[in-house]
Amino acid sequence: MAAALRLLAARPRSETQLRQRLLERADSQLVDECIARLREMGYIDDLRYAEGYASYRVRNKSVGRSRVARELARREVSKDVIDEALDSVFEETDEETLIDRAIEKRIRLRGRLKDAGDVKKMISHLMRLGFGYDLIRRRLRAIRDAEDLEVTGDEQ
């Protein structure tokens, strides 16, 4: 139990991650009892862990739903828990707002999109961040249309 509490104090962990670390030190029956007790005490809750992780990632870096889902799956959180946590987090924060922030940052760092090569690089970047292709196309088209209006408006 002391080892489990030290591990959880160092950083939050999913139940599976904690179980794997504890199995390195003790037999499975003891680990099962410890996990059950920690769950009763509220120290282990995969949903709370997943929501906290997803919320932190969305707040600190504009990433899309699929990227956060991949990261949580890598942390061995179950698919059902991931879906529930992401529904909760993306209900509060609109994915369109996140992609707009990511696009603005990329343009601020790399400059405006000048040609098809720049657009392709932007699409690849946004897909790596976990945004869906349809959303990316829609947002880039909106930006292009807005820039066309600005250029047309300046010429008059």
C-alpha atoms as a PDB file:
ATOM      1  CA  MET A   1       0.000   0.000   0.000  1.00  0.00           C
ATOM      2  CA  ALA A   2       2.837   2.381   0.838  1.00  0.00           C
ATOM      3  CA  ALA A   3       4.469   1.747  -2.536  1.00  0.00           C
ATOM      4  CA  ALA A   4       1.168   2.405  -4.316  1.00  0.00           C
ATOM      5  CA  LEU A   5       0.677   5.682  -2.464  1.00  0.00           C
ATOM      6  CA  ARG A   6       4.235   6.777  -3.302  1.00  0.00           C
ATOM      7  CA  LEU A   7       3.632   6.008  -6.989  1.00  0.00           C
ATOM      8  CA  LEU A   8       0.354   7.936  -6.985  1.00  0.00           C
ATOM      9  CA  ALA A   9       1.940  10.845  -5.129  1.00  0.00           C
ATOM     10  CA  ALA A  10       4.632  11.116  -7.796  1.00  0.00           C
ATOM     11  CA  ARG A  11       2.054  11.462 -10.586  1.00  0.00           C
ATOM     12  CA  PRO A  12      -1.479  10.346 -11.400  1.00  0.00           C
ATOM     13  CA  ARG A  13      -1.722   6.904 -12.984  1.00  0.00           C
ATOM     14  CA  SER A  14      -4.404   4.746 -14.509  1.00  0.00           C
ATOM     15  CA  GLU A  15      -5.379   1.586 -12.659  1.00  0.00           C
ATOM     16  CA  THR A  16      -3.569  -0.590 -15.196  1.00  0.00           C
ATOM     17  CA  GLN A  17      -0.380   1.461 -14.982  1.00  0.00           C
ATOM     18  CA  LEU A  18      -0.406   1.257 -11.202  1.00  0.00           C
ATOM     19  CA  ARG A  19      -1.143  -2.479 -11.273  1.00  0.00           C
ATOM     20  CA  GLN A  20       1.798  -3.125 -13.607  1.00  0.00           C
ATOM     21  CA  ARG A  21       4.191  -1.155 -11.405  1.00  0.00           C
ATOM     22  CA  LEU A  22       3.002  -2.908  -8.258  1.00  0.00           C
ATOM     23  CA  LEU A  23       3.290  -6.362  -9.842  1.00  0.00           C
ATOM     24  CA  GLU A  24       7.026  -5.704 -10.173  1.00  0.00           C
ATOM     25  CA  ARG A  25       7.198  -5.633  -6.349  1.00  0.00           C
ATOM     26  CA  ALA A  26       4.474  -7.959  -5.047  1.00  0.00           C
ATOM     27  CA  ASP A  27       2.311 -10.955  -5.944  1.00  0.00           C
ATOM     28  CA  SER A  28      -0.967 -10.535  -7.806  1.00  0.00           C
ATOM     29  CA  GLN A  29      -3.267 -11.286  -4.863  1.00  0.00           C
ATOM     30  CA  LEU A  30      -1.679  -8.562  -2.742  1.00  0.00           C
ATOM     31  CA  VAL A  31      -1.799  -6.131  -5.654  1.00  0.00           C
ATOM     32  CA  ASP A  32      -5.489  -6.896  -6.278  1.00  0.00           C
ATOM     33  CA  GLU A  33      -6.303  -6.215  -2.612  1.00  0.00           C
ATOM     34  CA  CYS A  34      -4.324  -2.981  -2.674  1.00  0.00           C
ATOM     35  CA  ILE A  35      -5.997  -1.776  -5.888  1.00  0.00           C
ATOM     36  CA  ALA A  36      -9.450  -2.602  -4.501  1.00  0.00           C
ATOM     37  CA  ARG A  37      -8.710  -0.648  -1.310  1.00  0.00           C
ATOM     38  CA  LEU A  38      -7.350   2.342  -3.246  1.00  0.00           C
ATOM     39  CA  ARG A  39     -10.461   2.311  -5.444  1.00  0.00           C
ATOM     40  CA  GLU A  40     -12.694   2.304  -2.330  1.00  0.00           C
ATOM     41  CA  MET A  41     -10.735   5.229  -0.912  1.00  0.00           C
ATOM     42  CA  GLY A  42     -11.103   7.149  -4.178  1.00  0.00           C
ATOM     43  CA  TYR A  43      -7.397   7.240  -5.000  1.00  0.00           C
ATOM     44  CA  ILE A  44      -7.903   5.335  -8.243  1.00  0.00           C
ATOM     45  CA  ASP A  45     -10.546   6.462 -10.710  1.00  0.00           C
ATOM     46  CA  ASP A  46      -9.732   6.017 -14.382  1.00  0.00           C
ATOM     47  CA  LEU A  47     -12.532   8.342 -15.499  1.00  0.00           C
ATOM     48  CA  ARG A  48     -11.302  11.167 -13.277  1.00  0.00           C
ATOM     49  CA  TYR A  49      -7.736  10.474 -14.420  1.00  0.00           C
ATOM     50  CA  ALA A  50      -8.728  10.536 -18.113  1.00  0.00           C
ATOM     51  CA  GLU A  51     -10.807  13.700 -17.744  1.00  0.00           C
ATOM     52  CA  GLY A  52      -7.996  15.461 -15.901  1.00  0.00           C
ATOM     53  CA  TYR A  53      -5.410  14.413 -18.458  1.00  0.00           C
ATOM     54  CA  ALA A  54      -7.588  15.366 -21.439  1.00  0.00           C
ATOM     55  CA  SER A  55      -8.554  18.697 -19.903  1.00  0.00           C
ATOM     56  CA  TYR A  56      -4.905  19.524 -19.197  1.00  0.00           C
ATOM     57  CA  ARG A  57      -3.814  18.636 -22.751  1.00  0.00           C
ATOM     58  CA  VAL A  58      -6.606  20.648 -24.348  1.00  0.00           C
ATOM     59  CA  ARG A  59      -5.954  23.681 -22.157  1.00  0.00           C
ATOM     60  CA  ASN A  60      -2.184  23.727 -22.634  1.00  0.00           C
ATOM     61  CA  LYS A  61      -1.846  22.637 -26.240  1.00  0.00           C
ATOM     62  CA  SER A  62      -4.445  22.858 -28.950  1.00  0.00           C
ATOM     63  CA  VAL A  63      -4.846  19.176 -29.735  1.00  0.00           C
ATOM     64  CA  GLY A  64      -7.772  17.339 -31.243  1.00  0.00           C
ATOM     65  CA  ARG A  65      -9.907  14.549 -29.943  1.00  0.00           C
ATOM     66  CA  SER A  66      -8.105  11.693 -31.703  1.00  0.00           C
ATOM     67  CA  ARG A  67      -4.679  12.776 -30.389  1.00  0.00           C
ATOM     68  CA  VAL A  68      -5.891  12.837 -26.799  1.00  0.00           C
ATOM     69  CA  ALA A  69      -7.606   9.468 -27.330  1.00  0.00           C
ATOM     70  CA  ARG A  70      -4.338   7.964 -28.618  1.00  0.00           C
ATOM     71  CA  GLU A  71      -2.399   9.348 -25.661  1.00  0.00           C
ATOM     72  CA  LEU A  72      -4.908   7.961 -23.151  1.00  0.00           C
ATOM     73  CA  ALA A  73      -4.915   4.571 -24.883  1.00  0.00           C
ATOM     74  CA  ARG A  74      -1.124   4.547 -24.581  1.00  0.00           C
ATOM     75  CA  ARG A  75      -1.632   5.136 -20.858  1.00  0.00           C
ATOM     76  CA  GLU A  76      -3.792   2.008 -20.833  1.00  0.00           C
ATOM     77  CA  VAL A  77      -7.163   3.582 -20.137  1.00  0.00           C
ATOM     78  CA  SER A  78     -10.124   1.583 -21.483  1.00  0.00           C
ATOM     79  CA  LYS A  79     -11.889   2.734 -24.647  1.00  0.00           C
ATOM     80  CA  ASP A  80     -15.221   3.291 -22.857  1.00  0.00           C
ATOM     81  CA  VAL A  81     -13.588   5.499 -20.241  1.00  0.00           C
ATOM     82  CA  ILE A  82     -11.693   7.419 -22.938  1.00  0.00           C
ATOM     83  CA  ASP A  83     -14.889   8.076 -24.890  1.00  0.00           C
ATOM     84  CA  GLU A  84     -16.750   9.265 -21.788  1.00  0.00           C
ATOM     85  CA  ALA A  85     -13.884  11.520 -20.699  1.00  0.00           C
ATOM     86  CA  LEU A  86     -13.467  13.041 -24.160  1.00  0.00           C
ATOM     87  CA  ASP A  87     -17.200  13.669 -24.464  1.00  0.00           C
ATOM     88  CA  SER A  88     -17.042  15.558 -21.187  1.00  0.00           C
ATOM     89  CA  VAL A  89     -13.941  17.593 -22.053  1.00  0.00           C
ATOM     90  CA  PHE A  90     -14.920  18.426 -25.635  1.00  0.00           C
ATOM     91  CA  GLU A  91     -18.384  19.436 -24.460  1.00  0.00           C
ATOM     92  CA  GLU A  92     -16.711  22.278 -22.561  1.00  0.00           C
ATOM     93  CA  THR A  93     -14.154  23.169 -25.250  1.00  0.00           C
ATOM     94  CA  ASP A  94     -15.202  23.301 -28.886  1.00  0.00           C
ATOM     95  CA  GLU A  95     -12.818  21.533 -31.264  1.00  0.00           C
ATOM     96  CA  GLU A  96     -13.235  24.363 -33.777  1.00  0.00           C
ATOM     97  CA  THR A  97     -11.853  26.811 -31.229  1.00  0.00           C
ATOM     98  CA  LEU A  98      -8.877  24.534 -30.661  1.00  0.00           C
ATOM     99  CA  ILE A  99      -8.126  24.135 -34.360  1.00  0.00           C
ATOM    100  CA  ASP A 100      -8.402  27.898 -34.868  1.00  0.00           C
ATOM    101  CA  ARG A 101      -5.830  28.437 -32.086  1.00  0.00           C
ATOM    102  CA  ALA A 102      -3.529  25.821 -33.650  1.00  0.00           C
ATOM    103  CA  ILE A 103      -3.837  27.429 -37.095  1.00  0.00           C
ATOM    104  CA  GLU A 104      -3.201  30.916 -35.710  1.00  0.00           C
ATOM    105  CA  LYS A 105      -0.102  29.725 -33.868  1.00  0.00           C
ATOM    106  CA  ARG A 106       1.259  27.941 -36.939  1.00  0.00           C
ATOM    107  CA  ILE A 107       0.685  31.024 -39.111  1.00  0.00           C
ATOM    108  CA  ARG A 108       2.273  33.255 -36.463  1.00  0.00           C
ATOM    109  CA  LEU A 109       5.366  31.028 -36.385  1.00  0.00           C
ATOM    110  CA  ARG A 110       5.647  30.109 -40.070  1.00  0.00           C
ATOM    111  CA  GLY A 111       3.823  32.895 -41.901  1.00  0.00           C
ATOM    112  CA  ARG A 112       0.757  32.889 -44.120  1.00  0.00           C
ATOM    113  CA  LEU A 113      -0.046  30.016 -46.463  1.00  0.00           C
ATOM    114  CA  LYS A 114       1.413  31.003 -49.823  1.00  0.00           C
ATOM    115  CA  ASP A 115       0.999  27.925 -52.011  1.00  0.00           C
ATOM    116  CA  ALA A 116      -0.313  24.372 -52.158  1.00  0.00           C
ATOM    117  CA  GLY A 117       2.832  23.069 -50.447  1.00  0.00           C
ATOM    118  CA  ASP A 118       2.187  25.296 -47.415  1.00  0.00           C
ATOM    119  CA  VAL A 119      -1.420  24.125 -47.289  1.00  0.00           C
ATOM    120  CA  LYS A 120      -0.310  20.478 -47.426  1.00  0.00           C
ATOM    121  CA  LYS A 121       2.164  21.066 -44.582  1.00  0.00           C
ATOM    122  CA  MET A 122      -0.556  22.774 -42.534  1.00  0.00           C
ATOM    123  CA  ILE A 123      -2.947  19.855 -43.103  1.00  0.00           C
ATOM    124  CA  SER A 124      -0.266  17.359 -42.036  1.00  0.00           C
ATOM    125  CA  HIS A 125       0.514  19.412 -38.938  1.00  0.00           C
ATOM    126  CA  LEU A 126      -3.146  19.634 -37.929  1.00  0.00           C
ATOM    127  CA  MET A 127      -3.698  15.921 -38.508  1.00  0.00           C
ATOM    128  CA  ARG A 128      -0.724  15.132 -36.243  1.00  0.00           C
ATOM    129  CA  LEU A 129      -2.390  17.300 -33.614  1.00  0.00           C
ATOM    130  CA  GLY A 130      -5.413  15.006 -33.831  1.00  0.00           C
ATOM    131  CA  PHE A 131      -7.949  17.019 -35.782  1.00  0.00           C
ATOM    132  CA  GLY A 132     -10.210  15.334 -38.326  1.00  0.00           C
ATOM    133  CA  TYR A 133      -9.685  15.903 -42.038  1.00  0.00           C
ATOM    134  CA  ASP A 134     -13.198  17.291 -42.631  1.00  0.00           C
ATOM    135  CA  LEU A 135     -12.776  19.840 -39.832  1.00  0.00           C
ATOM    136  CA  ILE A 136      -9.345  20.840 -41.161  1.00  0.00           C
ATOM    137  CA  ARG A 137     -10.682  21.348 -44.692  1.00  0.00           C
ATOM    138  CA  ARG A 138     -13.641  23.354 -43.422  1.00  0.00           C
ATOM    139  CA  ARG A 139     -11.489  25.668 -41.259  1.00  0.00           C
ATOM    140  CA  LEU A 140      -8.796  26.208 -43.909  1.00  0.00           C
ATOM    141  CA  ARG A 141     -11.465  26.964 -46.502  1.00  0.00           C
ATOM    142  CA  ALA A 142     -13.036  29.515 -44.130  1.00  0.00           C
ATOM    143  CA  ILE A 143      -9.649  31.174 -43.625  1.00  0.00           C
ATOM    144  CA  ARG A 144      -9.007  31.270 -47.377  1.00  0.00           C
ATOM    145  CA  ASP A 145     -12.446  32.788 -47.994  1.00  0.00           C
ATOM    146  CA  ALA A 146     -11.879  35.400 -45.267  1.00  0.00           C
ATOM    147  CA  GLU A 147      -8.499  36.335 -46.766  1.00  0.00           C
ATOM    148  CA  ASP A 148     -10.083  36.639 -50.239  1.00  0.00           C
ATOM    149  CA  LEU A 149     -12.658  39.035 -48.768  1.00  0.00           C
ATOM    150  CA  GLU A 150      -9.929  41.100 -47.096  1.00  0.00           C
ATOM    151  CA  VAL A 151      -7.910  41.347 -50.314  1.00  0.00           C
ATOM    152  CA  THR A 152     -11.008  42.216 -52.349  1.00  0.00           C
ATOM    153  CA  GLY A 153     -12.085  44.783 -49.760  1.00  0.00           C
ATOM    154  CA  ASP A 154      -8.664  46.476 -49.759  1.00  0.00           C
ATOM    155  CA  GLU A 155      -8.667  46.910 -53.539  1.00  0.00           C
ATOM    156  CA  GLN A 156     -11.909  48.890 -53.579  1.00  0.00           C
END
